[in-house]
Amino acid sequence: MTAANGRRAVGTDAAGGGPHEGAGAGRPAGGDTVAAVVRQWRTVHPDLDTGPMEVIGRINRCAALLQQAEDAPLRHAGLTRPEFDLLGALRRTGLELTPGELARETFSSGAAVTKRLKQLTERGLVERRGDARDRRVAHVRLTDAGRALVDGILPEQLSYETTALSDLNPTDQHTLATLLGNLLSQLEGRLGTPRT
């Protein structure tokens, strides 16, 4: 994370991945791990504005905790998160998609999508069909096994998400979703889409 005066502060701590999360920086009474990290940075660098850490750090920490739990059913199915994202894109659109379209749908690079599609094809979860007009183009669709796998995993993930948000009332959930949507729109417009 970059502080207001341009100097760089260590942001992985606030995301829960840095060295301060363990001993010496446990969750304070009535607070969270990010609050402890921010207090530590204020002690070390009282001249820096650590306000952005309180937002970005909490988003990163929440995302890490949520994904860790949500990835459990994927691991049981022998899938990675990026592989499931490809399967999910095919399921939710209900269309045959080209590798390029899948790259855009999943915010991934073409090379990464090609590698994942090879693995999913070998497992019998997707199948490729050549384009009759252009042999360089392939169309990808789910097999029956791929569709059944997605449909089996998704309810479990949604159930976990419902439980994770259960302490927030519907109004707070709507407000949070709106704020995060506004932030995401700004970041996508300003920073572009990272490719993995």
N, C-alpha and C. Protein backbone atom coordinates (compact mmCIF):
# COMPACT_ATOMS: atom_id res chain seq x y z
N MET A 1 0.84 -1.18 0.00
CA MET A 1 0.00 0.00 0.00
C MET A 1 0.88 1.24 0.00
N THR A 2 0.44 2.27 -0.66
CA THR A 2 1.22 3.49 -0.71
C THR A 2 0.55 4.54 0.15
N ALA A 3 1.31 5.14 1.03
CA ALA A 3 0.77 6.14 1.93
C ALA A 3 0.62 7.46 1.19
N ALA A 4 0.02 8.43 1.89
CA ALA A 4 -0.35 9.68 1.25
C ALA A 4 0.85 10.45 0.73
N ASN A 5 2.01 10.37 1.39
CA ASN A 5 3.14 11.16 0.96
C ASN A 5 4.00 10.44 -0.06
N GLY A 6 3.53 9.27 -0.55
CA GLY A 6 4.23 8.57 -1.61
C GLY A 6 5.14 7.48 -1.12
N ARG A 7 5.47 7.45 0.17
CA ARG A 7 6.30 6.36 0.66
C ARG A 7 5.48 5.10 0.77
N ARG A 8 6.14 3.96 0.61
CA ARG A 8 5.41 2.70 0.55
C ARG A 8 5.35 2.07 1.92
N ALA A 9 4.14 1.69 2.32
CA ALA A 9 3.96 0.96 3.57
C ALA A 9 3.68 -0.49 3.23
N VAL A 10 4.01 -1.39 4.11
CA VAL A 10 3.80 -2.81 3.85
C VAL A 10 2.33 -3.14 3.99
N GLY A 11 1.68 -3.51 2.88
CA GLY A 11 0.24 -3.75 2.90
C GLY A 11 -0.13 -5.20 3.14
N THR A 12 0.82 -6.11 2.97
CA THR A 12 0.47 -7.52 3.16
C THR A 12 0.10 -7.79 4.60
N ASP A 13 0.64 -7.00 5.54
CA ASP A 13 0.29 -7.18 6.94
C ASP A 13 -1.21 -7.00 7.12
N ALA A 14 -1.71 -5.90 6.56
CA ALA A 14 -3.12 -5.59 6.74
C ALA A 14 -4.01 -6.60 6.03
N ALA A 15 -3.48 -7.27 5.04
CA ALA A 15 -4.26 -8.28 4.35
C ALA A 15 -4.25 -9.61 5.06
N GLY A 16 -3.52 -9.67 6.16
CA GLY A 16 -3.50 -10.91 6.92
C GLY A 16 -2.41 -11.85 6.49
N GLY A 17 -1.54 -11.43 5.55
CA GLY A 17 -0.52 -12.34 5.06
C GLY A 17 0.87 -11.99 5.53
N GLY A 18 1.01 -10.93 6.29
CA GLY A 18 2.34 -10.46 6.67
C GLY A 18 2.78 -10.99 8.01
N PRO A 19 3.99 -10.61 8.43
CA PRO A 19 4.56 -11.16 9.66
C PRO A 19 3.87 -10.67 10.91
N HIS A 20 3.08 -9.62 10.84
CA HIS A 20 2.48 -9.06 12.05
C HIS A 20 1.21 -9.76 12.47
N GLU A 21 0.73 -10.70 11.66
CA GLU A 21 -0.56 -11.32 11.98
C GLU A 21 -0.44 -12.29 13.15
N GLY A 22 0.72 -12.88 13.34
CA GLY A 22 0.88 -13.91 14.35
C GLY A 22 1.14 -13.34 15.72
N ALA A 23 2.11 -13.90 16.42
CA ALA A 23 2.41 -13.49 17.78
C ALA A 23 2.73 -12.01 17.82
N GLY A 24 2.22 -11.34 18.84
CA GLY A 24 2.50 -9.92 19.01
C GLY A 24 1.48 -9.04 18.33
N ALA A 25 0.64 -9.60 17.48
CA ALA A 25 -0.35 -8.77 16.79
C ALA A 25 -1.68 -9.50 16.70
N GLY A 26 -2.05 -10.17 17.76
CA GLY A 26 -3.32 -10.89 17.76
C GLY A 26 -4.49 -9.94 17.74
N ARG A 27 -5.67 -10.49 17.61
CA ARG A 27 -6.86 -9.65 17.53
C ARG A 27 -7.08 -8.94 18.86
N PRO A 28 -7.20 -7.62 18.85
CA PRO A 28 -7.46 -6.89 20.09
C PRO A 28 -8.90 -7.08 20.53
N ALA A 29 -9.16 -6.86 21.80
CA ALA A 29 -10.52 -6.96 22.31
C ALA A 29 -11.39 -5.94 21.58
N GLY A 30 -12.49 -6.42 20.99
CA GLY A 30 -13.40 -5.53 20.30
C GLY A 30 -12.89 -5.02 18.97
N GLY A 31 -11.83 -5.61 18.44
CA GLY A 31 -11.28 -5.15 17.17
C GLY A 31 -11.02 -6.30 16.23
N ASP A 32 -10.23 -6.03 15.20
CA ASP A 32 -9.85 -7.07 14.25
C ASP A 32 -8.35 -6.99 14.01
N THR A 33 -7.83 -7.93 13.24
CA THR A 33 -6.39 -7.97 13.02
C THR A 33 -5.89 -6.74 12.28
N VAL A 34 -6.69 -6.20 11.39
CA VAL A 34 -6.25 -5.02 10.64
C VAL A 34 -6.12 -3.81 11.56
N ALA A 35 -7.03 -3.68 12.53
CA ALA A 35 -6.93 -2.56 13.48
C ALA A 35 -5.60 -2.62 14.23
N ALA A 36 -5.18 -3.84 14.60
CA ALA A 36 -3.90 -3.98 15.30
C ALA A 36 -2.74 -3.60 14.41
N VAL A 37 -2.79 -4.02 13.14
CA VAL A 37 -1.73 -3.69 12.19
C VAL A 37 -1.64 -2.17 12.00
N VAL A 38 -2.79 -1.53 11.84
CA VAL A 38 -2.81 -0.08 11.63
C VAL A 38 -2.22 0.64 12.83
N ARG A 39 -2.58 0.21 14.03
CA ARG A 39 -2.01 0.84 15.23
C ARG A 39 -0.50 0.69 15.26
N GLN A 40 0.00 -0.46 14.87
CA GLN A 40 1.45 -0.67 14.85
C GLN A 40 2.13 0.26 13.87
N TRP A 41 1.55 0.40 12.67
CA TRP A 41 2.15 1.30 11.69
C TRP A 41 2.07 2.75 12.15
N ARG A 42 1.01 3.14 12.83
CA ARG A 42 0.92 4.51 13.34
C ARG A 42 1.99 4.79 14.38
N THR A 43 2.34 3.75 15.14
CA THR A 43 3.41 3.91 16.13
C THR A 43 4.76 4.07 15.44
N VAL A 44 5.00 3.27 14.41
CA VAL A 44 6.29 3.31 13.71
C VAL A 44 6.39 4.55 12.82
N HIS A 45 5.30 4.90 12.14
CA HIS A 45 5.29 6.03 11.20
C HIS A 45 4.08 6.93 11.50
N PRO A 46 4.10 7.69 12.57
CA PRO A 46 2.95 8.53 12.91
C PRO A 46 2.67 9.62 11.88
N ASP A 47 3.63 9.88 10.99
CA ASP A 47 3.45 10.91 9.97
C ASP A 47 2.68 10.42 8.75
N LEU A 48 2.47 9.11 8.63
CA LEU A 48 1.81 8.56 7.45
C LEU A 48 0.31 8.42 7.67
N ASP A 49 -0.44 8.65 6.60
CA ASP A 49 -1.89 8.45 6.63
C ASP A 49 -2.18 6.97 6.38
N THR A 50 -2.57 6.27 7.41
CA THR A 50 -2.84 4.83 7.28
C THR A 50 -4.32 4.54 7.02
N GLY A 51 -5.11 5.58 6.78
CA GLY A 51 -6.53 5.39 6.53
C GLY A 51 -6.84 4.40 5.42
N PRO A 52 -6.14 4.48 4.25
CA PRO A 52 -6.43 3.51 3.19
C PRO A 52 -6.24 2.06 3.62
N MET A 53 -5.29 1.83 4.53
CA MET A 53 -5.06 0.47 5.02
C MET A 53 -6.30 -0.09 5.70
N GLU A 54 -7.05 0.78 6.36
CA GLU A 54 -8.22 0.31 7.11
C GLU A 54 -9.29 -0.22 6.16
N VAL A 55 -9.32 0.29 4.93
CA VAL A 55 -10.28 -0.20 3.93
C VAL A 55 -9.69 -1.35 3.14
N ILE A 56 -8.55 -1.09 2.48
CA ILE A 56 -7.95 -2.10 1.60
C ILE A 56 -7.52 -3.32 2.39
N GLY A 57 -6.94 -3.10 3.56
CA GLY A 57 -6.50 -4.23 4.38
C GLY A 57 -7.65 -5.13 4.77
N ARG A 58 -8.78 -4.52 5.12
CA ARG A 58 -9.94 -5.34 5.52
C ARG A 58 -10.54 -6.07 4.32
N ILE A 59 -10.57 -5.41 3.16
CA ILE A 59 -11.06 -6.09 1.95
C ILE A 59 -10.18 -7.30 1.65
N ASN A 60 -8.87 -7.10 1.70
CA ASN A 60 -7.94 -8.21 1.41
C ASN A 60 -8.07 -9.34 2.42
N ARG A 61 -8.20 -8.97 3.69
CA ARG A 61 -8.30 -9.99 4.74
C ARG A 61 -9.60 -10.77 4.61
N CYS A 62 -10.71 -10.06 4.38
CA CYS A 62 -12.00 -10.73 4.19
C CYS A 62 -11.94 -11.66 2.98
N ALA A 63 -11.36 -11.17 1.87
CA ALA A 63 -11.28 -11.99 0.66
C ALA A 63 -10.47 -13.25 0.90
N ALA A 64 -9.35 -13.12 1.63
CA ALA A 64 -8.51 -14.29 1.90
C ALA A 64 -9.25 -15.32 2.74
N LEU A 65 -9.95 -14.86 3.78
CA LEU A 65 -10.67 -15.79 4.65
C LEU A 65 -11.84 -16.45 3.93
N LEU A 66 -12.58 -15.66 3.15
CA LEU A 66 -13.71 -16.21 2.42
C LEU A 66 -13.26 -17.22 1.38
N GLN A 67 -12.21 -16.89 0.64
CA GLN A 67 -11.76 -17.79 -0.41
C GLN A 67 -11.19 -19.08 0.17
N GLN A 68 -10.51 -18.96 1.31
CA GLN A 68 -9.96 -20.16 1.94
C GLN A 68 -11.07 -21.17 2.25
N ALA A 69 -12.17 -20.67 2.78
CA ALA A 69 -13.28 -21.57 3.11
C ALA A 69 -14.02 -22.03 1.85
N GLU A 70 -14.22 -21.11 0.90
CA GLU A 70 -14.97 -21.46 -0.30
C GLU A 70 -14.20 -22.42 -1.20
N ASP A 71 -12.89 -22.42 -1.10
CA ASP A 71 -12.09 -23.30 -1.95
C ASP A 71 -12.09 -24.74 -1.46
N ALA A 72 -12.56 -24.99 -0.24
CA ALA A 72 -12.55 -26.36 0.30
C ALA A 72 -13.32 -27.34 -0.60
N PRO A 73 -14.56 -27.02 -1.01
CA PRO A 73 -15.25 -27.97 -1.90
C PRO A 73 -14.57 -28.12 -3.25
N LEU A 74 -13.86 -27.09 -3.70
CA LEU A 74 -13.14 -27.19 -4.96
C LEU A 74 -11.98 -28.18 -4.83
N ARG A 75 -11.26 -28.07 -3.72
CA ARG A 75 -10.15 -28.99 -3.48
C ARG A 75 -10.66 -30.43 -3.41
N HIS A 76 -11.80 -30.62 -2.77
CA HIS A 76 -12.37 -31.97 -2.68
C HIS A 76 -12.72 -32.51 -4.07
N ALA A 77 -13.08 -31.62 -4.98
CA ALA A 77 -13.42 -32.03 -6.35
C ALA A 77 -12.19 -32.07 -7.25
N GLY A 78 -11.02 -31.74 -6.69
CA GLY A 78 -9.79 -31.76 -7.49
C GLY A 78 -9.67 -30.59 -8.44
N LEU A 79 -10.32 -29.46 -8.10
CA LEU A 79 -10.30 -28.28 -8.95
C LEU A 79 -9.55 -27.14 -8.28
N THR A 80 -8.96 -26.29 -9.09
CA THR A 80 -8.43 -25.02 -8.59
C THR A 80 -9.50 -23.96 -8.77
N ARG A 81 -9.34 -22.84 -8.09
CA ARG A 81 -10.28 -21.74 -8.27
C ARG A 81 -10.34 -21.26 -9.72
N PRO A 82 -9.20 -21.05 -10.40
CA PRO A 82 -9.28 -20.61 -11.81
C PRO A 82 -9.98 -21.63 -12.71
N GLU A 83 -9.79 -22.93 -12.45
CA GLU A 83 -10.49 -23.94 -13.25
C GLU A 83 -11.99 -23.86 -13.03
N PHE A 84 -12.40 -23.69 -11.77
CA PHE A 84 -13.83 -23.58 -11.49
C PHE A 84 -14.42 -22.33 -12.12
N ASP A 85 -13.63 -21.25 -12.15
CA ASP A 85 -14.11 -20.02 -12.79
C ASP A 85 -14.41 -20.26 -14.27
N LEU A 86 -13.58 -21.05 -14.93
CA LEU A 86 -13.84 -21.37 -16.34
C LEU A 86 -15.13 -22.17 -16.48
N LEU A 87 -15.26 -23.19 -15.65
CA LEU A 87 -16.49 -23.99 -15.69
C LEU A 87 -17.71 -23.13 -15.38
N GLY A 88 -17.57 -22.26 -14.39
CA GLY A 88 -18.67 -21.39 -14.01
C GLY A 88 -19.07 -20.44 -15.11
N ALA A 89 -18.09 -19.92 -15.86
CA ALA A 89 -18.39 -19.01 -16.96
C ALA A 89 -19.20 -19.73 -18.03
N LEU A 90 -18.84 -20.95 -18.33
CA LEU A 90 -19.59 -21.71 -19.32
C LEU A 90 -21.00 -22.04 -18.82
N ARG A 91 -21.13 -22.32 -17.53
CA ARG A 91 -22.44 -22.68 -16.98
C ARG A 91 -23.37 -21.48 -16.91
N ARG A 92 -22.85 -20.34 -16.43
CA ARG A 92 -23.75 -19.20 -16.22
C ARG A 92 -24.13 -18.51 -17.52
N THR A 93 -23.26 -18.57 -18.54
CA THR A 93 -23.64 -17.97 -19.82
C THR A 93 -24.51 -18.92 -20.64
N GLY A 94 -24.36 -20.23 -20.40
CA GLY A 94 -25.13 -21.21 -21.15
C GLY A 94 -24.73 -21.28 -22.62
N LEU A 95 -23.53 -20.81 -22.92
CA LEU A 95 -23.08 -20.73 -24.31
C LEU A 95 -21.80 -21.53 -24.52
N GLU A 96 -21.53 -21.83 -25.78
CA GLU A 96 -20.19 -22.23 -26.15
C GLU A 96 -19.35 -20.96 -26.24
N LEU A 97 -18.17 -20.97 -25.67
CA LEU A 97 -17.31 -19.80 -25.68
C LEU A 97 -15.95 -20.16 -26.26
N THR A 98 -15.33 -19.21 -26.92
CA THR A 98 -13.98 -19.42 -27.41
C THR A 98 -13.00 -19.22 -26.26
N PRO A 99 -11.78 -19.71 -26.37
CA PRO A 99 -10.79 -19.45 -25.32
C PRO A 99 -10.59 -17.95 -25.05
N GLY A 100 -10.66 -17.14 -26.10
CA GLY A 100 -10.52 -15.69 -25.91
C GLY A 100 -11.67 -15.12 -25.09
N GLU A 101 -12.87 -15.58 -25.38
CA GLU A 101 -14.03 -15.11 -24.60
C GLU A 101 -13.93 -15.58 -23.16
N LEU A 102 -13.46 -16.80 -22.95
CA LEU A 102 -13.28 -17.30 -21.58
C LEU A 102 -12.22 -16.49 -20.83
N ALA A 103 -11.18 -16.07 -21.54
CA ALA A 103 -10.15 -15.24 -20.90
C ALA A 103 -10.75 -13.93 -20.41
N ARG A 104 -11.62 -13.32 -21.23
CA ARG A 104 -12.26 -12.07 -20.81
C ARG A 104 -13.24 -12.30 -19.67
N GLU A 105 -13.99 -13.40 -19.73
CA GLU A 105 -14.98 -13.69 -18.69
C GLU A 105 -14.34 -13.95 -17.34
N THR A 106 -13.12 -14.53 -17.35
CA THR A 106 -12.47 -14.94 -16.10
C THR A 106 -11.29 -14.05 -15.73
N PHE A 107 -11.08 -12.96 -16.47
CA PHE A 107 -9.98 -12.02 -16.17
C PHE A 107 -8.63 -12.74 -16.16
N SER A 108 -8.42 -13.60 -17.15
CA SER A 108 -7.20 -14.40 -17.22
C SER A 108 -6.49 -14.17 -18.55
N SER A 109 -5.25 -14.59 -18.62
CA SER A 109 -4.50 -14.50 -19.86
C SER A 109 -4.89 -15.66 -20.78
N GLY A 110 -4.68 -15.47 -22.07
CA GLY A 110 -4.98 -16.53 -23.01
C GLY A 110 -4.17 -17.79 -22.76
N ALA A 111 -2.90 -17.62 -22.41
CA ALA A 111 -2.04 -18.78 -22.15
C ALA A 111 -2.54 -19.57 -20.95
N ALA A 112 -2.97 -18.86 -19.89
CA ALA A 112 -3.47 -19.54 -18.70
C ALA A 112 -4.75 -20.31 -19.02
N VAL A 113 -5.63 -19.70 -19.80
CA VAL A 113 -6.88 -20.37 -20.17
C VAL A 113 -6.60 -21.62 -21.00
N THR A 114 -5.68 -21.52 -21.93
CA THR A 114 -5.34 -22.68 -22.76
C THR A 114 -4.86 -23.85 -21.90
N LYS A 115 -4.01 -23.55 -20.92
CA LYS A 115 -3.49 -24.60 -20.03
C LYS A 115 -4.62 -25.22 -19.21
N ARG A 116 -5.50 -24.38 -18.67
CA ARG A 116 -6.59 -24.89 -17.85
C ARG A 116 -7.58 -25.70 -18.67
N LEU A 117 -7.85 -25.24 -19.88
CA LEU A 117 -8.79 -25.98 -20.73
C LEU A 117 -8.24 -27.36 -21.08
N LYS A 118 -6.94 -27.46 -21.28
CA LYS A 118 -6.33 -28.75 -21.56
C LYS A 118 -6.58 -29.72 -20.40
N GLN A 119 -6.39 -29.23 -19.19
CA GLN A 119 -6.58 -30.08 -18.01
C GLN A 119 -8.05 -30.47 -17.84
N LEU A 120 -8.94 -29.51 -18.07
CA LEU A 120 -10.37 -29.80 -17.91
C LEU A 120 -10.88 -30.74 -19.00
N THR A 121 -10.31 -30.61 -20.20
CA THR A 121 -10.68 -31.51 -21.29
C THR A 121 -10.24 -32.93 -20.98
N GLU A 122 -9.02 -33.06 -20.46
CA GLU A 122 -8.52 -34.39 -20.10
C GLU A 122 -9.36 -35.05 -19.02
N ARG A 123 -9.99 -34.24 -18.18
CA ARG A 123 -10.85 -34.78 -17.12
C ARG A 123 -12.27 -35.02 -17.60
N GLY A 124 -12.56 -34.66 -18.83
CA GLY A 124 -13.90 -34.89 -19.37
C GLY A 124 -14.93 -33.89 -18.90
N LEU A 125 -14.48 -32.70 -18.44
CA LEU A 125 -15.42 -31.70 -17.93
C LEU A 125 -15.82 -30.68 -19.00
N VAL A 126 -14.98 -30.50 -20.00
CA VAL A 126 -15.31 -29.63 -21.13
C VAL A 126 -14.91 -30.35 -22.41
N GLU A 127 -15.48 -29.88 -23.51
CA GLU A 127 -15.08 -30.40 -24.81
C GLU A 127 -14.96 -29.24 -25.78
N ARG A 128 -14.07 -29.42 -26.74
CA ARG A 128 -13.79 -28.37 -27.72
C ARG A 128 -14.32 -28.80 -29.08
N ARG A 129 -14.85 -27.80 -29.80
CA ARG A 129 -15.34 -28.03 -31.16
C ARG A 129 -14.71 -27.01 -32.08
N GLY A 130 -14.14 -27.49 -33.17
CA GLY A 130 -13.52 -26.57 -34.13
C GLY A 130 -14.56 -25.74 -34.86
N ASP A 131 -14.16 -24.56 -35.27
CA ASP A 131 -15.04 -23.68 -36.03
C ASP A 131 -15.02 -24.12 -37.49
N ALA A 132 -16.20 -24.25 -38.08
CA ALA A 132 -16.28 -24.73 -39.47
C ALA A 132 -15.66 -23.75 -40.45
N ARG A 133 -15.67 -22.46 -40.09
CA ARG A 133 -15.15 -21.45 -41.01
C ARG A 133 -13.70 -21.07 -40.75
N ASP A 134 -13.22 -21.29 -39.51
CA ASP A 134 -11.85 -20.91 -39.17
C ASP A 134 -11.27 -21.96 -38.24
N ARG A 135 -10.37 -22.77 -38.75
CA ARG A 135 -9.82 -23.88 -37.98
C ARG A 135 -8.94 -23.41 -36.82
N ARG A 136 -8.57 -22.14 -36.83
CA ARG A 136 -7.78 -21.60 -35.71
C ARG A 136 -8.64 -21.34 -34.48
N VAL A 137 -9.95 -21.30 -34.66
CA VAL A 137 -10.86 -20.96 -33.56
C VAL A 137 -11.49 -22.24 -33.01
N ALA A 138 -11.55 -22.32 -31.69
CA ALA A 138 -12.22 -23.44 -31.03
C ALA A 138 -13.39 -22.91 -30.20
N HIS A 139 -14.41 -23.72 -30.09
CA HIS A 139 -15.55 -23.40 -29.25
C HIS A 139 -15.58 -24.42 -28.11
N VAL A 140 -15.74 -23.92 -26.89
CA VAL A 140 -15.67 -24.78 -25.70
C VAL A 140 -17.05 -24.84 -25.06
N ARG A 141 -17.43 -26.02 -24.64
CA ARG A 141 -18.69 -26.18 -23.92
C ARG A 141 -18.51 -27.20 -22.81
N LEU A 142 -19.42 -27.12 -21.84
CA LEU A 142 -19.41 -28.08 -20.74
C LEU A 142 -19.92 -29.43 -21.21
N THR A 143 -19.34 -30.48 -20.66
CA THR A 143 -19.93 -31.80 -20.82
C THR A 143 -20.99 -31.98 -19.74
N ASP A 144 -21.72 -33.05 -19.81
CA ASP A 144 -22.71 -33.33 -18.76
C ASP A 144 -22.03 -33.45 -17.40
N ALA A 145 -20.82 -34.05 -17.39
CA ALA A 145 -20.09 -34.20 -16.13
C ALA A 145 -19.66 -32.84 -15.59
N GLY A 146 -19.25 -31.95 -16.47
CA GLY A 146 -18.84 -30.61 -16.04
C GLY A 146 -20.01 -29.83 -15.48
N ARG A 147 -21.15 -29.94 -16.14
CA ARG A 147 -22.35 -29.23 -15.66
C ARG A 147 -22.78 -29.76 -14.30
N ALA A 148 -22.74 -31.06 -14.14
CA ALA A 148 -23.14 -31.66 -12.86
C ALA A 148 -22.18 -31.25 -11.75
N LEU A 149 -20.89 -31.14 -12.07
CA LEU A 149 -19.91 -30.74 -11.05
C LEU A 149 -20.16 -29.32 -10.58
N VAL A 150 -20.37 -28.39 -11.52
CA VAL A 150 -20.64 -27.00 -11.15
C VAL A 150 -21.92 -26.91 -10.33
N ASP A 151 -22.96 -27.60 -10.78
CA ASP A 151 -24.25 -27.53 -10.10
C ASP A 151 -24.19 -28.16 -8.71
N GLY A 152 -23.25 -29.07 -8.50
CA GLY A 152 -23.10 -29.66 -7.18
C GLY A 152 -22.32 -28.78 -6.21
N ILE A 153 -21.36 -28.02 -6.74
CA ILE A 153 -20.50 -27.20 -5.88
C ILE A 153 -21.14 -25.85 -5.55
N LEU A 154 -21.82 -25.25 -6.50
CA LEU A 154 -22.31 -23.88 -6.32
C LEU A 154 -23.24 -23.71 -5.11
N PRO A 155 -24.21 -24.60 -4.89
CA PRO A 155 -25.07 -24.40 -3.71
C PRO A 155 -24.29 -24.42 -2.40
N GLU A 156 -23.26 -25.24 -2.33
CA GLU A 156 -22.45 -25.29 -1.11
C GLU A 156 -21.72 -23.97 -0.89
N GLN A 157 -21.22 -23.38 -1.96
CA GLN A 157 -20.54 -22.09 -1.84
C GLN A 157 -21.52 -20.99 -1.44
N LEU A 158 -22.69 -20.98 -2.06
CA LEU A 158 -23.68 -19.96 -1.73
C LEU A 158 -24.16 -20.09 -0.29
N SER A 159 -24.29 -21.32 0.18
CA SER A 159 -24.69 -21.54 1.57
C SER A 159 -23.65 -20.97 2.52
N TYR A 160 -22.37 -21.17 2.21
CA TYR A 160 -21.32 -20.62 3.05
C TYR A 160 -21.37 -19.09 3.03
N GLU A 161 -21.56 -18.51 1.86
CA GLU A 161 -21.60 -17.05 1.75
C GLU A 161 -22.77 -16.49 2.55
N THR A 162 -23.90 -17.16 2.51
CA THR A 162 -25.06 -16.72 3.29
C THR A 162 -24.74 -16.73 4.78
N THR A 163 -24.09 -17.80 5.23
CA THR A 163 -23.71 -17.89 6.64
C THR A 163 -22.70 -16.82 7.00
N ALA A 164 -21.73 -16.58 6.12
CA ALA A 164 -20.69 -15.59 6.40
C ALA A 164 -21.26 -14.19 6.56
N LEU A 165 -22.34 -13.90 5.84
CA LEU A 165 -22.94 -12.56 5.88
C LEU A 165 -24.11 -12.46 6.85
N SER A 166 -24.39 -13.53 7.58
CA SER A 166 -25.62 -13.59 8.38
C SER A 166 -25.68 -12.56 9.51
N ASP A 167 -24.54 -12.06 9.95
CA ASP A 167 -24.54 -11.05 11.01
C ASP A 167 -24.84 -9.65 10.48
N LEU A 168 -24.89 -9.49 9.17
CA LEU A 168 -25.25 -8.21 8.57
C LEU A 168 -26.71 -8.28 8.14
N ASN A 169 -27.49 -7.27 8.52
CA ASN A 169 -28.89 -7.27 8.10
C ASN A 169 -28.97 -6.95 6.60
N PRO A 170 -30.12 -7.19 5.97
CA PRO A 170 -30.22 -6.99 4.52
C PRO A 170 -29.86 -5.57 4.08
N THR A 171 -30.22 -4.56 4.90
CA THR A 171 -29.88 -3.18 4.53
C THR A 171 -28.38 -2.99 4.50
N ASP A 172 -27.68 -3.51 5.52
CA ASP A 172 -26.22 -3.38 5.57
C ASP A 172 -25.58 -4.15 4.42
N GLN A 173 -26.12 -5.31 4.09
CA GLN A 173 -25.58 -6.08 2.97
C GLN A 173 -25.72 -5.30 1.67
N HIS A 174 -26.88 -4.68 1.49
CA HIS A 174 -27.10 -3.89 0.28
C HIS A 174 -26.16 -2.70 0.23
N THR A 175 -25.99 -2.03 1.35
CA THR A 175 -25.08 -0.88 1.40
C THR A 175 -23.65 -1.30 1.10
N LEU A 176 -23.22 -2.39 1.71
CA LEU A 176 -21.87 -2.89 1.48
C LEU A 176 -21.67 -3.27 0.01
N ALA A 177 -22.66 -3.96 -0.56
CA ALA A 177 -22.56 -4.36 -1.96
C ALA A 177 -22.47 -3.13 -2.87
N THR A 178 -23.23 -2.09 -2.56
CA THR A 178 -23.21 -0.87 -3.37
C THR A 178 -21.85 -0.18 -3.27
N LEU A 179 -21.32 -0.05 -2.05
CA LEU A 179 -20.02 0.60 -1.87
C LEU A 179 -18.90 -0.17 -2.57
N LEU A 180 -18.93 -1.50 -2.42
CA LEU A 180 -17.91 -2.31 -3.07
C LEU A 180 -18.06 -2.26 -4.59
N GLY A 181 -19.29 -2.22 -5.07
CA GLY A 181 -19.52 -2.09 -6.50
C GLY A 181 -18.97 -0.78 -7.04
N ASN A 182 -19.19 0.32 -6.29
CA ASN A 182 -18.65 1.61 -6.71
C ASN A 182 -17.13 1.59 -6.75
N LEU A 183 -16.52 1.00 -5.71
CA LEU A 183 -15.06 0.93 -5.67
C LEU A 183 -14.54 0.07 -6.82
N LEU A 184 -15.17 -1.07 -7.05
CA LEU A 184 -14.72 -1.95 -8.12
C LEU A 184 -14.81 -1.28 -9.48
N SER A 185 -15.90 -0.56 -9.72
CA SER A 185 -16.06 0.14 -11.00
C SER A 185 -14.95 1.16 -11.20
N GLN A 186 -14.62 1.90 -10.14
CA GLN A 186 -13.55 2.89 -10.23
C GLN A 186 -12.21 2.23 -10.49
N LEU A 187 -11.92 1.14 -9.78
CA LEU A 187 -10.64 0.48 -9.94
C LEU A 187 -10.51 -0.17 -11.31
N GLU A 188 -11.59 -0.78 -11.80
CA GLU A 188 -11.53 -1.39 -13.13
C GLU A 188 -11.31 -0.33 -14.20
N GLY A 189 -11.91 0.84 -14.02
CA GLY A 189 -11.72 1.89 -14.99
C GLY A 189 -10.34 2.53 -14.92
N ARG A 190 -9.78 2.62 -13.71
CA ARG A 190 -8.51 3.30 -13.52
C ARG A 190 -7.31 2.39 -13.70
N LEU A 191 -7.44 1.16 -13.19
CA LEU A 191 -6.28 0.27 -13.17
C LEU A 191 -6.33 -0.81 -14.25
N GLY A 192 -7.49 -0.98 -14.87
CA GLY A 192 -7.61 -2.06 -15.82
C GLY A 192 -7.79 -3.38 -15.12
N THR A 193 -7.79 -4.45 -15.87
CA THR A 193 -8.01 -5.78 -15.34
C THR A 193 -6.70 -6.56 -15.31
N PRO A 194 -6.26 -6.97 -14.11
CA PRO A 194 -5.04 -7.77 -14.06
C PRO A 194 -5.25 -9.12 -14.72
N ARG A 195 -4.25 -9.61 -15.41
CA ARG A 195 -4.33 -10.87 -16.12
C ARG A 195 -3.47 -11.92 -15.43
N THR A 196 -4.05 -13.07 -15.12
CA THR A 196 -3.29 -14.12 -14.46
C THR A 196 -3.37 -15.42 -15.24
